Amino acid sequence: MSTKPLDLPPSIHPDMLQLAESDLTIGHDAGGSPVMDPAYAAAHGALARMHEAGTGLADAEAQLRERDGSRLAPSDALRLRTSTERTLSTLRKTVDTALGTIADRREAVEGEIAAALQLPEHRSSVVHASRAADVRAALRGMSPDDRADALHAAILAGDVEAVASVLSASPLASGLSRDDLKRLQTDAEHQFAPRLTALRTGLDKARDILARADDLTHTRFAGIVGQGDSAAGRAEAALRRAEVIAGGAA
């Protein structure tokens, strides 16, 4: 009796990227259509190829599960497993390329956020470093509550130089803890680089969606070509070893 292919996991559908779509929209063209960050196209393309290939993989899975020999000759089974293995390898390379694009874009966005917070010049300019040292010394001499109020007021006032003076050095130099500094940086990024911060969030979402889809695809289908640590994978690997031994003995 023929085995019906199982449904594909919804997490490998390209529509999953809708979760990151607004964050990855970097503008609109003359007609009002959204212009997407290049990472969106890379992730969407990889998901589309994965979903398209998934239909064929599911069909191969169904045929290879029959095992009764009445519908699939051994030579056809071998050819089908070889094709499946090649498809999985190609998909992994496609995903790796897309993840590389996302990583490159994230690194670039991180640099733009740092520039918006004036961190490079505060770390390299002697003039900025001197003024920043004075700001940190003043903050260090305040009580914790007054220091928190002063930093909060600086962010609301748009005083990026004062905030950068703190973020560009060790938190201890301003009387802060590492957690205090992390919270300050988060608040500053949302105040001074909101669009870039949202874009970085979108890139992280796209990365996680794509990585999860890749894991699900290989977890689902690797077993039919003797890969992975599932029971099906181990059984298939054992069968393939037996076939090799039988072929050598023939």
C-alpha atoms as a PDB file:
ATOM      1  CA  MET A   1       0.000   0.000   0.000  1.00  0.00           C
ATOM      2  CA  SER A   2       1.367   3.436  -0.935  1.00  0.00           C
ATOM      3  CA  THR A   3       2.515   5.688   1.890  1.00  0.00           C
ATOM      4  CA  LYS A   4       1.179   9.246   1.725  1.00  0.00           C
ATOM      5  CA  PRO A   5       3.890  11.927   2.125  1.00  0.00           C
ATOM      6  CA  LEU A   6       3.716  13.706   5.456  1.00  0.00           C
ATOM      7  CA  ASP A   7       2.940  17.421   5.502  1.00  0.00           C
ATOM      8  CA  LEU A   8       5.926  19.744   5.484  1.00  0.00           C
ATOM      9  CA  PRO A   9       6.689  21.688   8.665  1.00  0.00           C
ATOM     10  CA  PRO A  10       5.082  25.160   8.421  1.00  0.00           C
ATOM     11  CA  SER A  11       8.315  26.664   9.751  1.00  0.00           C
ATOM     12  CA  ILE A  12      10.079  26.099   6.425  1.00  0.00           C
ATOM     13  CA  HIS A  13       7.546  28.144   4.441  1.00  0.00           C
ATOM     14  CA  PRO A  14       8.835  31.506   3.114  1.00  0.00           C
ATOM     15  CA  ASP A  15       5.822  33.236   4.704  1.00  0.00           C
ATOM     16  CA  MET A  16       7.553  32.782   8.058  1.00  0.00           C
ATOM     17  CA  LEU A  17       9.659  35.802   7.102  1.00  0.00           C
ATOM     18  CA  GLN A  18       6.596  37.996   7.555  1.00  0.00           C
ATOM     19  CA  LEU A  19       7.652  38.044  11.220  1.00  0.00           C
ATOM     20  CA  ALA A  20      10.698  40.086  10.193  1.00  0.00           C
ATOM     21  CA  GLU A  21       9.300  41.902   7.163  1.00  0.00           C
ATOM     22  CA  SER A  22       8.560  45.281   8.768  1.00  0.00           C
ATOM     23  CA  ASP A  23      11.958  45.421  10.474  1.00  0.00           C
ATOM     24  CA  LEU A  24      13.744  44.545   7.215  1.00  0.00           C
ATOM     25  CA  THR A  25      11.924  47.201   5.167  1.00  0.00           C
ATOM     26  CA  ILE A  26      14.508  49.906   4.501  1.00  0.00           C
ATOM     27  CA  GLY A  27      12.354  52.259   2.425  1.00  0.00           C
ATOM     28  CA  HIS A  28       9.804  52.534  -0.364  1.00  0.00           C
ATOM     29  CA  ASP A  29      10.150  53.048  -4.094  1.00  0.00           C
ATOM     30  CA  ALA A  30       8.437  55.732  -6.165  1.00  0.00           C
ATOM     31  CA  GLY A  31       5.344  53.556  -6.449  1.00  0.00           C
ATOM     32  CA  GLY A  32       5.099  53.051  -2.704  1.00  0.00           C
ATOM     33  CA  SER A  33       6.239  49.448  -2.725  1.00  0.00           C
ATOM     34  CA  PRO A  34       8.552  48.437   0.120  1.00  0.00           C
ATOM     35  CA  VAL A  35      12.280  48.178  -0.506  1.00  0.00           C
ATOM     36  CA  MET A  36      13.741  45.296   1.476  1.00  0.00           C
ATOM     37  CA  ASP A  37      17.185  44.863   2.966  1.00  0.00           C
ATOM     38  CA  PRO A  38      19.350  42.503   0.845  1.00  0.00           C
ATOM     39  CA  ALA A  39      19.310  39.983   3.685  1.00  0.00           C
ATOM     40  CA  TYR A  40      15.554  39.579   3.236  1.00  0.00           C
ATOM     41  CA  ALA A  41      15.964  38.461  -0.374  1.00  0.00           C
ATOM     42  CA  ALA A  42      18.712  36.028   0.628  1.00  0.00           C
ATOM     43  CA  ALA A  43      16.645  34.494   3.434  1.00  0.00           C
ATOM     44  CA  HIS A  44      13.439  34.394   1.386  1.00  0.00           C
ATOM     45  CA  GLY A  45      15.208  32.740  -1.533  1.00  0.00           C
ATOM     46  CA  ALA A  46      16.730  30.071   0.714  1.00  0.00           C
ATOM     47  CA  LEU A  47      13.382  29.340   2.376  1.00  0.00           C
ATOM     48  CA  ALA A  48      11.615  29.182  -0.985  1.00  0.00           C
ATOM     49  CA  ARG A  49      14.143  26.667  -2.313  1.00  0.00           C
ATOM     50  CA  MET A  50      13.903  24.658   0.885  1.00  0.00           C
ATOM     51  CA  HIS A  51      10.119  24.562   0.734  1.00  0.00           C
ATOM     52  CA  GLU A  52      10.089  23.662  -2.959  1.00  0.00           C
ATOM     53  CA  ALA A  53      12.620  20.870  -2.423  1.00  0.00           C
ATOM     54  CA  GLY A  54      10.679  19.671   0.617  1.00  0.00           C
ATOM     55  CA  THR A  55       7.849  18.356  -1.551  1.00  0.00           C
ATOM     56  CA  GLY A  56      10.253  16.108  -3.442  1.00  0.00           C
ATOM     57  CA  LEU A  57      11.982  15.074  -0.233  1.00  0.00           C
ATOM     58  CA  ALA A  58       8.658  14.144   1.349  1.00  0.00           C
ATOM     59  CA  ASP A  59       7.773  12.036  -1.682  1.00  0.00           C
ATOM     60  CA  ALA A  60      11.158  10.289  -1.525  1.00  0.00           C
ATOM     61  CA  GLU A  61      10.623   9.682   2.173  1.00  0.00           C
ATOM     62  CA  ALA A  62       7.264   8.048   1.493  1.00  0.00           C
ATOM     63  CA  GLN A  63       8.650   5.776  -1.241  1.00  0.00           C
ATOM     64  CA  LEU A  64      11.688   4.706   0.751  1.00  0.00           C
ATOM     65  CA  ARG A  65       9.527   3.844   3.769  1.00  0.00           C
ATOM     66  CA  GLU A  66       7.615   1.142   1.908  1.00  0.00           C
ATOM     67  CA  ARG A  67      10.435  -1.370   2.087  1.00  0.00           C
ATOM     68  CA  ASP A  68       8.327  -4.229   0.749  1.00  0.00           C
ATOM     69  CA  GLY A  69      10.068  -4.249  -2.598  1.00  0.00           C
ATOM     70  CA  SER A  70       6.800  -4.382  -4.494  1.00  0.00           C
ATOM     71  CA  ARG A  71       6.838  -0.782  -5.640  1.00  0.00           C
ATOM     72  CA  LEU A  72      10.498   0.304  -5.567  1.00  0.00           C
ATOM     73  CA  ALA A  73      13.358  -1.765  -6.961  1.00  0.00           C
ATOM     74  CA  PRO A  74      16.655  -1.717  -4.990  1.00  0.00           C
ATOM     75  CA  SER A  75      18.407   0.154  -7.789  1.00  0.00           C
ATOM     76  CA  ASP A  76      15.660   2.780  -7.794  1.00  0.00           C
ATOM     77  CA  ALA A  77      15.869   3.079  -4.016  1.00  0.00           C
ATOM     78  CA  LEU A  78      19.619   3.640  -4.223  1.00  0.00           C
ATOM     79  CA  ARG A  79      19.167   6.280  -6.911  1.00  0.00           C
ATOM     80  CA  LEU A  80      16.455   7.986  -4.872  1.00  0.00           C
ATOM     81  CA  ARG A  81      18.590   8.053  -1.715  1.00  0.00           C
ATOM     82  CA  THR A  82      21.545   9.437  -3.668  1.00  0.00           C
ATOM     83  CA  SER A  83      19.360  12.193  -5.115  1.00  0.00           C
ATOM     84  CA  THR A  84      17.943  12.985  -1.679  1.00  0.00           C
ATOM     85  CA  GLU A  85      21.415  13.202  -0.191  1.00  0.00           C
ATOM     86  CA  ARG A  86      22.502  15.561  -2.968  1.00  0.00           C
ATOM     87  CA  THR A  87      19.419  17.738  -2.433  1.00  0.00           C
ATOM     88  CA  LEU A  88      20.065  18.013   1.304  1.00  0.00           C
ATOM     89  CA  SER A  89      23.692  18.958   0.670  1.00  0.00           C
ATOM     90  CA  THR A  90      22.678  21.643  -1.835  1.00  0.00           C
ATOM     91  CA  LEU A  91      20.091  23.056   0.555  1.00  0.00           C
ATOM     92  CA  ARG A  92      22.652  23.245   3.358  1.00  0.00           C
ATOM     93  CA  LYS A  93      25.009  25.228   1.109  1.00  0.00           C
ATOM     94  CA  THR A  94      22.164  27.550   0.094  1.00  0.00           C
ATOM     95  CA  VAL A  95      21.270  28.192   3.724  1.00  0.00           C
ATOM     96  CA  ASP A  96      24.901  28.756   4.703  1.00  0.00           C
ATOM     97  CA  THR A  97      25.245  31.362   1.944  1.00  0.00           C
ATOM     98  CA  ALA A  98      22.091  33.154   3.083  1.00  0.00           C
ATOM     99  CA  LEU A  99      23.191  33.066   6.720  1.00  0.00           C
ATOM    100  CA  GLY A 100      26.520  34.539   5.635  1.00  0.00           C
ATOM    101  CA  THR A 101      24.692  37.405   3.931  1.00  0.00           C
ATOM    102  CA  ILE A 102      22.674  38.037   7.081  1.00  0.00           C
ATOM    103  CA  ALA A 103      25.817  37.967   9.240  1.00  0.00           C
ATOM    104  CA  ASP A 104      27.593  40.443   6.944  1.00  0.00           C
ATOM    105  CA  ARG A 105      24.624  42.800   7.009  1.00  0.00           C
ATOM    106  CA  ARG A 106      24.373  42.556  10.786  1.00  0.00           C
ATOM    107  CA  GLU A 107      28.054  43.438  11.168  1.00  0.00           C
ATOM    108  CA  ALA A 108      27.571  46.451   8.905  1.00  0.00           C
ATOM    109  CA  VAL A 109      24.485  47.576  10.833  1.00  0.00           C
ATOM    110  CA  GLU A 110      26.348  47.230  14.138  1.00  0.00           C
ATOM    111  CA  GLY A 111      28.986  49.581  12.719  1.00  0.00           C
ATOM    112  CA  GLU A 112      26.300  52.084  11.701  1.00  0.00           C
ATOM    113  CA  ILE A 113      24.747  51.951  15.165  1.00  0.00           C
ATOM    114  CA  ALA A 114      28.147  52.564  16.755  1.00  0.00           C
ATOM    115  CA  ALA A 115      28.637  55.536  14.432  1.00  0.00           C
ATOM    116  CA  ALA A 116      25.228  56.952  15.356  1.00  0.00           C
ATOM    117  CA  LEU A 117      26.270  56.755  19.019  1.00  0.00           C
ATOM    118  CA  GLN A 118      29.601  58.451  18.186  1.00  0.00           C
ATOM    119  CA  LEU A 119      31.546  55.571  19.702  1.00  0.00           C
ATOM    120  CA  PRO A 120      34.420  55.382  17.176  1.00  0.00           C
ATOM    121  CA  GLU A 121      35.503  59.003  17.666  1.00  0.00           C
ATOM    122  CA  HIS A 122      35.145  58.804  21.435  1.00  0.00           C
ATOM    123  CA  ARG A 123      37.471  55.814  21.429  1.00  0.00           C
ATOM    124  CA  SER A 124      40.052  57.221  19.032  1.00  0.00           C
ATOM    125  CA  SER A 125      40.031  61.029  19.265  1.00  0.00           C
ATOM    126  CA  VAL A 126      42.234  62.653  21.908  1.00  0.00           C
ATOM    127  CA  VAL A 127      39.910  65.661  22.105  1.00  0.00           C
ATOM    128  CA  HIS A 128      36.817  63.514  22.594  1.00  0.00           C
ATOM    129  CA  ALA A 129      38.640  61.280  25.064  1.00  0.00           C
ATOM    130  CA  SER A 130      39.578  64.254  27.234  1.00  0.00           C
ATOM    131  CA  ARG A 131      36.028  65.602  27.402  1.00  0.00           C
ATOM    132  CA  ALA A 132      34.656  62.106  27.948  1.00  0.00           C
ATOM    133  CA  ALA A 133      36.969  61.579  30.914  1.00  0.00           C
ATOM    134  CA  ASP A 134      35.534  64.696  32.549  1.00  0.00           C
ATOM    135  CA  VAL A 135      31.979  63.454  32.018  1.00  0.00           C
ATOM    136  CA  ARG A 136      32.788  60.053  33.510  1.00  0.00           C
ATOM    137  CA  ALA A 137      34.501  61.614  36.499  1.00  0.00           C
ATOM    138  CA  ALA A 138      31.463  63.786  37.204  1.00  0.00           C
ATOM    139  CA  LEU A 139      29.138  60.789  36.989  1.00  0.00           C
ATOM    140  CA  ARG A 140      31.382  58.690  39.181  1.00  0.00           C
ATOM    141  CA  GLY A 141      31.118  61.298  41.933  1.00  0.00           C
ATOM    142  CA  MET A 142      27.297  61.188  41.992  1.00  0.00           C
ATOM    143  CA  SER A 143      25.029  58.961  44.021  1.00  0.00           C
ATOM    144  CA  PRO A 144      23.557  56.008  42.116  1.00  0.00           C
ATOM    145  CA  ASP A 145      20.138  57.661  41.874  1.00  0.00           C
ATOM    146  CA  ASP A 146      21.532  61.007  40.705  1.00  0.00           C
ATOM    147  CA  ARG A 147      23.769  59.212  38.185  1.00  0.00           C
ATOM    148  CA  ALA A 148      20.821  57.281  36.761  1.00  0.00           C
ATOM    149  CA  ASP A 149      18.752  60.475  36.550  1.00  0.00           C
ATOM    150  CA  ALA A 150      21.567  62.334  34.796  1.00  0.00           C
ATOM    151  CA  LEU A 151      22.030  59.622  32.181  1.00  0.00           C
ATOM    152  CA  HIS A 152      18.286  59.329  31.594  1.00  0.00           C
ATOM    153  CA  ALA A 153      18.062  63.107  31.147  1.00  0.00           C
ATOM    154  CA  ALA A 154      20.987  63.054  28.706  1.00  0.00           C
ATOM    155  CA  ILE A 155      19.244  60.468  26.530  1.00  0.00           C
ATOM    156  CA  LEU A 156      15.953  62.372  26.532  1.00  0.00           C
ATOM    157  CA  ALA A 157      17.761  65.606  25.715  1.00  0.00           C
ATOM    158  CA  GLY A 158      19.537  63.979  22.770  1.00  0.00           C
ATOM    159  CA  ASP A 159      22.949  64.542  24.321  1.00  0.00           C
ATOM    160  CA  VAL A 160      24.662  61.765  22.410  1.00  0.00           C
ATOM    161  CA  GLU A 161      28.130  63.033  23.335  1.00  0.00           C
ATOM    162  CA  ALA A 162      27.496  62.620  27.055  1.00  0.00           C
ATOM    163  CA  VAL A 163      26.098  59.129  26.525  1.00  0.00           C
ATOM    164  CA  ALA A 164      28.987  58.180  24.232  1.00  0.00           C
ATOM    165  CA  SER A 165      31.421  59.333  26.910  1.00  0.00           C
ATOM    166  CA  VAL A 166      30.061  56.581  29.146  1.00  0.00           C
ATOM    167  CA  LEU A 167      29.569  53.863  26.518  1.00  0.00           C
ATOM    168  CA  SER A 168      33.069  54.235  25.079  1.00  0.00           C
ATOM    169  CA  ALA A 169      34.838  53.198  28.280  1.00  0.00           C
ATOM    170  CA  SER A 170      34.691  50.682  31.103  1.00  0.00           C
ATOM    171  CA  PRO A 171      31.491  50.981  33.156  1.00  0.00           C
ATOM    172  CA  LEU A 172      33.594  51.332  36.302  1.00  0.00           C
ATOM    173  CA  ALA A 173      34.964  54.632  34.973  1.00  0.00           C
ATOM    174  CA  SER A 174      31.454  56.100  35.328  1.00  0.00           C
ATOM    175  CA  GLY A 175      30.537  54.258  38.522  1.00  0.00           C
ATOM    176  CA  LEU A 176      28.303  51.784  36.702  1.00  0.00           C
ATOM    177  CA  SER A 177      27.983  48.026  36.651  1.00  0.00           C
ATOM    178  CA  ARG A 178      28.118  46.003  33.440  1.00  0.00           C
ATOM    179  CA  ASP A 179      24.355  45.521  33.598  1.00  0.00           C
ATOM    180  CA  ASP A 180      23.896  49.277  34.012  1.00  0.00           C
ATOM    181  CA  LEU A 181      25.998  49.829  30.897  1.00  0.00           C
ATOM    182  CA  LYS A 182      24.018  47.282  28.881  1.00  0.00           C
ATOM    183  CA  ARG A 183      20.745  48.978  29.816  1.00  0.00           C
ATOM    184  CA  LEU A 184      22.195  52.376  28.947  1.00  0.00           C
ATOM    185  CA  GLN A 185      23.357  51.125  25.548  1.00  0.00           C
ATOM    186  CA  THR A 186      19.955  49.608  24.813  1.00  0.00           C
ATOM    187  CA  ASP A 187      18.187  52.869  25.698  1.00  0.00           C
ATOM    188  CA  ALA A 188      20.703  54.909  23.685  1.00  0.00           C
ATOM    189  CA  GLU A 189      20.360  52.701  20.602  1.00  0.00           C
ATOM    190  CA  HIS A 190      16.591  53.069  20.622  1.00  0.00           C
ATOM    191  CA  GLN A 191      16.869  56.832  21.087  1.00  0.00           C
ATOM    192  CA  PHE A 192      19.670  57.681  18.671  1.00  0.00           C
ATOM    193  CA  ALA A 193      19.456  54.847  16.099  1.00  0.00           C
ATOM    194  CA  PRO A 194      15.893  53.492  16.208  1.00  0.00           C
ATOM    195  CA  ARG A 195      15.678  52.414  12.577  1.00  0.00           C
ATOM    196  CA  LEU A 196      19.050  50.688  12.625  1.00  0.00           C
ATOM    197  CA  THR A 197      18.163  48.964  15.887  1.00  0.00           C
ATOM    198  CA  ALA A 198      14.929  47.657  14.350  1.00  0.00           C
ATOM    199  CA  LEU A 199      16.865  46.500  11.278  1.00  0.00           C
ATOM    200  CA  ARG A 200      19.295  44.575  13.486  1.00  0.00           C
ATOM    201  CA  THR A 201      16.318  42.947  15.226  1.00  0.00           C
ATOM    202  CA  GLY A 202      14.913  41.968  11.832  1.00  0.00           C
ATOM    203  CA  LEU A 203      18.224  40.438  10.807  1.00  0.00           C
ATOM    204  CA  ASP A 204      18.285  38.388  14.012  1.00  0.00           C
ATOM    205  CA  LYS A 205      14.727  37.199  13.347  1.00  0.00           C
ATOM    206  CA  ALA A 206      15.585  36.231   9.762  1.00  0.00           C
ATOM    207  CA  ARG A 207      18.694  34.370  10.941  1.00  0.00           C
ATOM    208  CA  ASP A 208      16.727  32.429  13.562  1.00  0.00           C
ATOM    209  CA  ILE A 209      13.867  31.612  11.164  1.00  0.00           C
ATOM    210  CA  LEU A 210      16.270  30.341   8.525  1.00  0.00           C
ATOM    211  CA  ALA A 211      18.402  28.356  10.966  1.00  0.00           C
ATOM    212  CA  ARG A 212      15.304  26.720  12.464  1.00  0.00           C
ATOM    213  CA  ALA A 213      13.974  25.820   9.010  1.00  0.00           C
ATOM    214  CA  ASP A 214      17.329  24.262   8.122  1.00  0.00           C
ATOM    215  CA  ASP A 215      17.394  22.245  11.351  1.00  0.00           C
ATOM    216  CA  LEU A 216      13.814  21.046  10.839  1.00  0.00           C
ATOM    217  CA  THR A 217      14.480  20.034   7.245  1.00  0.00           C
ATOM    218  CA  HIS A 218      17.557  17.998   8.099  1.00  0.00           C
ATOM    219  CA  THR A 219      15.977  16.504  11.223  1.00  0.00           C
ATOM    220  CA  ARG A 220      12.978  15.456   9.143  1.00  0.00           C
ATOM    221  CA  PHE A 221      14.780  14.058   6.091  1.00  0.00           C
ATOM    222  CA  ALA A 222      18.365  13.177   7.064  1.00  0.00           C
ATOM    223  CA  GLY A 223      17.245   9.809   8.401  1.00  0.00           C
ATOM    224  CA  ILE A 224      16.234   8.525   4.974  1.00  0.00           C
ATOM    225  CA  VAL A 225      19.828   8.827   3.750  1.00  0.00           C
ATOM    226  CA  GLY A 226      21.436   7.376   6.867  1.00  0.00           C
ATOM    227  CA  GLN A 227      22.364  10.688   8.507  1.00  0.00           C
ATOM    228  CA  GLY A 228      21.552  11.965  11.973  1.00  0.00           C
ATOM    229  CA  ASP A 229      21.081  10.158  15.266  1.00  0.00           C
ATOM    230  CA  SER A 230      17.399   9.277  14.931  1.00  0.00           C
ATOM    231  CA  ALA A 231      16.240   5.663  14.933  1.00  0.00           C
ATOM    232  CA  ALA A 232      15.341   6.000  11.248  1.00  0.00           C
ATOM    233  CA  GLY A 233      18.741   7.442  10.455  1.00  0.00           C
ATOM    234  CA  ARG A 234      20.588   4.664  12.259  1.00  0.00           C
ATOM    235  CA  ALA A 235      18.427   2.024  10.581  1.00  0.00           C
ATOM    236  CA  GLU A 236      19.014   3.528   7.150  1.00  0.00           C
ATOM    237  CA  ALA A 237      22.761   3.765   7.774  1.00  0.00           C
ATOM    238  CA  ALA A 238      22.834   0.108   8.791  1.00  0.00           C
ATOM    239  CA  LEU A 239      20.864  -0.854   5.686  1.00  0.00           C
ATOM    240  CA  ARG A 240      23.248   1.048   3.435  1.00  0.00           C
ATOM    241  CA  ARG A 241      26.253  -0.641   5.037  1.00  0.00           C
ATOM    242  CA  ALA A 242      24.601  -4.014   4.490  1.00  0.00           C
ATOM    243  CA  GLU A 243      23.949  -3.159   0.860  1.00  0.00           C
ATOM    244  CA  VAL A 244      27.603  -2.218   0.367  1.00  0.00           C
ATOM    245  CA  ILE A 245      28.738  -5.494   1.954  1.00  0.00           C
ATOM    246  CA  ALA A 246      26.270  -7.493  -0.144  1.00  0.00           C
ATOM    247  CA  GLY A 247      27.400  -5.725  -3.289  1.00  0.00           C
ATOM    248  CA  GLY A 248      31.033  -6.526  -2.513  1.00  0.00           C
ATOM    249  CA  ALA A 249      30.269 -10.166  -1.916  1.00  0.00           C
ATOM    250  CA  ALA A 250      28.326 -10.553  -5.138  1.00  0.00           C
END
